[in-house]
C-alpha atoms as a PDB file:
ATOM      1  CA  UNK A   1     -23.317  25.032   1.102  1.00  0.00           C
ATOM      2  CA  UNK A   2     -25.768  22.735  -0.436  1.00  0.00           C
ATOM      3  CA  UNK A   3     -25.229  19.197   1.068  1.00  0.00           C
ATOM      4  CA  UNK A   4     -27.311  17.450  -1.619  1.00  0.00           C
ATOM      5  CA  UNK A   5     -25.123  19.051  -4.242  1.00  0.00           C
ATOM      6  CA  UNK A   6     -21.932  18.001  -2.616  1.00  0.00           C
ATOM      7  CA  UNK A   7     -23.137  14.466  -2.064  1.00  0.00           C
ATOM      8  CA  UNK A   8     -23.952  14.226  -5.940  1.00  0.00           C
ATOM      9  CA  UNK A   9     -20.601  15.514  -6.742  1.00  0.00           C
ATOM     10  CA  UNK A  10     -18.908  13.136  -4.414  1.00  0.00           C
ATOM     11  CA  UNK A  11     -20.890  10.186  -5.831  1.00  0.00           C
ATOM     12  CA  UNK A  12     -20.032  11.129  -9.363  1.00  0.00           C
ATOM     13  CA  UNK A  13     -16.326  11.654  -8.529  1.00  0.00           C
ATOM     14  CA  UNK A  14     -16.245   8.211  -6.746  1.00  0.00           C
ATOM     15  CA  UNK A  15     -17.981   6.517  -9.665  1.00  0.00           C
ATOM     16  CA  UNK A  16     -15.559   8.243 -12.098  1.00  0.00           C
ATOM     17  CA  UNK A  17     -12.499   6.994 -10.177  1.00  0.00           C
ATOM     18  CA  UNK A  18     -14.096   3.423 -10.186  1.00  0.00           C
ATOM     19  CA  UNK A  19     -14.646   3.542 -13.935  1.00  0.00           C
ATOM     20  CA  UNK A  20     -11.016   4.737 -14.477  1.00  0.00           C
ATOM     21  CA  UNK A  21      -9.640   2.145 -12.266  1.00  0.00           C
ATOM     22  CA  UNK A  22     -11.866  -0.624 -13.993  1.00  0.00           C
ATOM     23  CA  UNK A  23     -10.450   0.403 -17.368  1.00  0.00           C
ATOM     24  CA  UNK A  24      -6.805   0.350 -16.062  1.00  0.00           C
ATOM     25  CA  UNK A  25      -7.179  -3.097 -14.317  1.00  0.00           C
ATOM     26  CA  UNK A  26      -9.316  -4.675 -17.095  1.00  0.00           C
ATOM     27  CA  UNK A  27      -7.276  -5.655 -20.101  1.00  0.00           C
ATOM     28  CA  UNK A  28      -8.989  -5.363 -23.492  1.00  0.00           C
END
C-alpha cells in the first residue's frame, strides 16, 4: 500500500468535506 497516495487521498477527502461544510454553513 502506498502511504503517500493514501495521505493525498485523505487530504483531498478532508478538504472536500471542508468545502461542502463551508457551502452548507455559508448562506449566499
